[in-house]
Amino acid sequence: MIKIHHKKSDCIGCTACTEFCPTYWYMDEEGLASLYTVEEENDRFQYGSGFEDDLAALKKAEKCCPVKIIRIEK
């Protein structure tokens, strides 16, 4: 499984991650990106996991995030 680290506290609501990975991220009621499936969360980070088949799309979301708050680990 792929590990997803998302620093939601620093999200600026640009929607890049939701455009490249709509099965992993959505825009919440505050206009910030949020992971659909959060396995762990603290006051700053959301942690989730992804499938190997989605690695390219997840990496694209990581690369395109203008504030670099997404980290994808294999």
N, C-alpha and C. Protein backbone atom coordinates (compact mmCIF):
# COMPACT_ATOMS: atom_id res chain seq x y z
N MET A 1 0.84 -1.19 0.00
CA MET A 1 0.00 0.00 0.00
C MET A 1 0.88 1.26 0.00
N ILE A 2 0.34 2.29 -0.58
CA ILE A 2 1.00 3.60 -0.64
C ILE A 2 0.57 4.40 0.58
N LYS A 3 1.50 5.09 1.21
CA LYS A 3 1.17 5.94 2.36
C LYS A 3 0.95 7.37 1.89
N ILE A 4 -0.13 7.98 2.38
CA ILE A 4 -0.48 9.35 2.03
C ILE A 4 -0.41 10.21 3.29
N HIS A 5 0.36 11.28 3.21
CA HIS A 5 0.45 12.26 4.31
C HIS A 5 -0.10 13.57 3.76
N HIS A 6 -1.08 14.12 4.44
CA HIS A 6 -1.72 15.35 3.97
C HIS A 6 -1.77 16.34 5.13
N LYS A 7 -1.10 17.47 4.98
CA LYS A 7 -1.05 18.49 6.04
C LYS A 7 -2.22 19.44 5.83
N LYS A 8 -3.40 18.99 6.22
CA LYS A 8 -4.63 19.73 5.97
C LYS A 8 -4.59 21.13 6.57
N SER A 9 -3.91 21.32 7.68
CA SER A 9 -3.88 22.62 8.34
C SER A 9 -3.27 23.72 7.47
N ASP A 10 -2.49 23.34 6.46
CA ASP A 10 -1.86 24.33 5.57
C ASP A 10 -2.50 24.39 4.19
N CYS A 11 -3.62 23.70 4.00
CA CYS A 11 -4.31 23.69 2.70
C CYS A 11 -4.82 25.09 2.36
N ILE A 12 -4.69 25.46 1.08
CA ILE A 12 -5.18 26.77 0.62
C ILE A 12 -6.43 26.63 -0.26
N GLY A 13 -6.92 25.40 -0.44
CA GLY A 13 -8.14 25.17 -1.19
C GLY A 13 -8.02 25.32 -2.69
N CYS A 14 -6.87 25.00 -3.26
CA CYS A 14 -6.65 25.19 -4.70
C CYS A 14 -7.35 24.14 -5.56
N THR A 15 -7.73 23.03 -5.01
CA THR A 15 -8.43 21.89 -5.65
C THR A 15 -7.56 21.01 -6.54
N ALA A 16 -6.26 21.23 -6.59
CA ALA A 16 -5.38 20.40 -7.45
C ALA A 16 -5.48 18.92 -7.10
N CYS A 17 -5.42 18.59 -5.83
CA CYS A 17 -5.46 17.17 -5.44
C CYS A 17 -6.80 16.54 -5.79
N THR A 18 -7.88 17.28 -5.65
CA THR A 18 -9.19 16.73 -5.99
C THR A 18 -9.36 16.55 -7.49
N GLU A 19 -8.66 17.33 -8.28
CA GLU A 19 -8.72 17.19 -9.73
C GLU A 19 -7.94 15.97 -10.20
N PHE A 20 -6.77 15.73 -9.60
CA PHE A 20 -5.93 14.61 -10.03
C PHE A 20 -6.28 13.30 -9.34
N CYS A 21 -6.83 13.36 -8.15
CA CYS A 21 -7.18 12.15 -7.39
C CYS A 21 -8.54 12.30 -6.71
N PRO A 22 -9.61 12.40 -7.48
CA PRO A 22 -10.93 12.61 -6.86
C PRO A 22 -11.42 11.43 -6.03
N THR A 23 -10.80 10.27 -6.17
CA THR A 23 -11.20 9.14 -5.33
C THR A 23 -10.52 9.18 -3.96
N TYR A 24 -9.54 10.07 -3.79
CA TYR A 24 -8.83 10.18 -2.52
C TYR A 24 -9.13 11.47 -1.77
N TRP A 25 -9.33 12.58 -2.50
CA TRP A 25 -9.57 13.88 -1.86
C TRP A 25 -10.90 14.47 -2.28
N TYR A 26 -11.47 15.26 -1.39
CA TYR A 26 -12.67 16.05 -1.68
C TYR A 26 -12.52 17.40 -0.98
N MET A 27 -13.31 18.36 -1.41
CA MET A 27 -13.31 19.68 -0.78
C MET A 27 -14.37 19.68 0.31
N ASP A 28 -13.97 19.99 1.54
CA ASP A 28 -14.91 19.95 2.65
C ASP A 28 -15.73 21.24 2.74
N GLU A 29 -16.56 21.34 3.74
CA GLU A 29 -17.45 22.48 3.90
C GLU A 29 -16.71 23.79 4.17
N GLU A 30 -15.45 23.72 4.56
CA GLU A 30 -14.63 24.91 4.78
C GLU A 30 -13.84 25.31 3.53
N GLY A 31 -14.00 24.54 2.45
CA GLY A 31 -13.28 24.82 1.22
C GLY A 31 -11.85 24.30 1.22
N LEU A 32 -11.55 23.34 2.09
CA LEU A 32 -10.21 22.76 2.18
C LEU A 32 -10.26 21.30 1.73
N ALA A 33 -9.15 20.84 1.16
CA ALA A 33 -9.07 19.45 0.73
C ALA A 33 -8.99 18.54 1.94
N SER A 34 -9.65 17.41 1.84
CA SER A 34 -9.66 16.43 2.91
C SER A 34 -9.61 15.05 2.29
N LEU A 35 -8.94 14.12 2.95
CA LEU A 35 -8.90 12.74 2.49
C LEU A 35 -10.24 12.07 2.76
N TYR A 36 -10.72 11.27 1.83
CA TYR A 36 -11.94 10.51 2.05
C TYR A 36 -11.76 9.50 3.18
N THR A 37 -10.67 8.77 3.13
CA THR A 37 -10.42 7.74 4.13
C THR A 37 -9.22 8.14 4.99
N VAL A 38 -9.51 8.60 6.18
CA VAL A 38 -8.47 9.01 7.11
C VAL A 38 -8.24 7.87 8.10
N GLU A 39 -7.02 7.33 8.08
CA GLU A 39 -6.70 6.23 8.98
C GLU A 39 -6.19 6.74 10.32
N GLU A 40 -5.61 7.93 10.29
CA GLU A 40 -5.10 8.56 11.50
C GLU A 40 -5.13 10.06 11.26
N GLU A 41 -5.34 10.82 12.32
CA GLU A 41 -5.41 12.27 12.17
C GLU A 41 -4.96 12.92 13.47
N ASN A 42 -4.27 14.05 13.34
CA ASN A 42 -3.97 14.87 14.50
C ASN A 42 -4.32 16.30 14.15
N ASP A 43 -3.91 17.26 14.92
CA ASP A 43 -4.33 18.64 14.68
C ASP A 43 -3.76 19.24 13.40
N ARG A 44 -2.78 18.61 12.79
CA ARG A 44 -2.17 19.14 11.57
C ARG A 44 -2.25 18.21 10.38
N PHE A 45 -2.12 16.93 10.60
CA PHE A 45 -2.00 15.97 9.50
C PHE A 45 -3.16 14.98 9.44
N GLN A 46 -3.44 14.55 8.20
CA GLN A 46 -4.30 13.40 7.94
C GLN A 46 -3.40 12.35 7.30
N TYR A 47 -3.62 11.10 7.67
CA TYR A 47 -2.85 9.99 7.12
C TYR A 47 -3.81 8.98 6.52
N GLY A 48 -3.46 8.51 5.34
CA GLY A 48 -4.27 7.51 4.68
C GLY A 48 -3.39 6.58 3.87
N SER A 49 -4.01 5.74 3.08
CA SER A 49 -3.24 4.84 2.23
C SER A 49 -3.92 4.75 0.86
N GLY A 50 -3.12 4.36 -0.11
CA GLY A 50 -3.61 4.25 -1.48
C GLY A 50 -3.16 2.96 -2.11
N PHE A 51 -3.73 2.67 -3.25
CA PHE A 51 -3.40 1.45 -3.98
C PHE A 51 -2.24 1.68 -4.94
N GLU A 52 -1.46 0.65 -5.16
CA GLU A 52 -0.32 0.70 -6.08
C GLU A 52 -0.74 1.19 -7.47
N ASP A 53 -1.90 0.77 -7.93
CA ASP A 53 -2.39 1.17 -9.25
C ASP A 53 -2.62 2.67 -9.37
N ASP A 54 -2.79 3.35 -8.24
CA ASP A 54 -3.05 4.78 -8.23
C ASP A 54 -1.79 5.62 -7.98
N LEU A 55 -0.64 4.98 -7.94
CA LEU A 55 0.60 5.69 -7.60
C LEU A 55 0.87 6.88 -8.51
N ALA A 56 0.71 6.74 -9.81
CA ALA A 56 1.00 7.84 -10.73
C ALA A 56 0.10 9.04 -10.46
N ALA A 57 -1.19 8.80 -10.23
CA ALA A 57 -2.11 9.91 -9.95
C ALA A 57 -1.80 10.54 -8.59
N LEU A 58 -1.46 9.74 -7.60
CA LEU A 58 -1.12 10.27 -6.29
C LEU A 58 0.15 11.12 -6.35
N LYS A 59 1.14 10.66 -7.11
CA LYS A 59 2.37 11.43 -7.28
C LYS A 59 2.10 12.74 -8.03
N LYS A 60 1.17 12.72 -8.97
CA LYS A 60 0.80 13.93 -9.69
C LYS A 60 0.16 14.94 -8.73
N ALA A 61 -0.70 14.47 -7.85
CA ALA A 61 -1.31 15.35 -6.85
C ALA A 61 -0.23 15.93 -5.93
N GLU A 62 0.72 15.10 -5.53
CA GLU A 62 1.83 15.56 -4.68
C GLU A 62 2.63 16.65 -5.40
N LYS A 63 2.97 16.40 -6.64
CA LYS A 63 3.79 17.34 -7.41
C LYS A 63 3.07 18.65 -7.70
N CYS A 64 1.77 18.58 -7.95
CA CYS A 64 1.01 19.78 -8.35
C CYS A 64 0.51 20.62 -7.19
N CYS A 65 0.63 20.14 -5.98
CA CYS A 65 0.17 20.91 -4.82
C CYS A 65 1.06 22.16 -4.68
N PRO A 66 0.49 23.36 -4.80
CA PRO A 66 1.31 24.57 -4.78
C PRO A 66 1.95 24.87 -3.43
N VAL A 67 1.40 24.32 -2.35
CA VAL A 67 1.98 24.58 -1.02
C VAL A 67 2.71 23.36 -0.46
N LYS A 68 2.83 22.32 -1.28
CA LYS A 68 3.62 21.12 -0.96
C LYS A 68 3.23 20.49 0.39
N ILE A 69 1.93 20.27 0.56
CA ILE A 69 1.45 19.68 1.82
C ILE A 69 1.09 18.20 1.68
N ILE A 70 1.37 17.61 0.52
CA ILE A 70 1.08 16.20 0.27
C ILE A 70 2.40 15.45 0.12
N ARG A 71 2.50 14.33 0.83
CA ARG A 71 3.69 13.48 0.66
C ARG A 71 3.18 12.05 0.42
N ILE A 72 3.68 11.46 -0.65
CA ILE A 72 3.32 10.11 -1.02
C ILE A 72 4.54 9.22 -0.84
N GLU A 73 4.38 8.13 -0.10
CA GLU A 73 5.48 7.20 0.14
C GLU A 73 5.09 5.80 -0.30
N LYS A 74 6.00 5.16 -0.98
CA LYS A 74 5.77 3.78 -1.42
C LYS A 74 6.28 2.83 -0.38
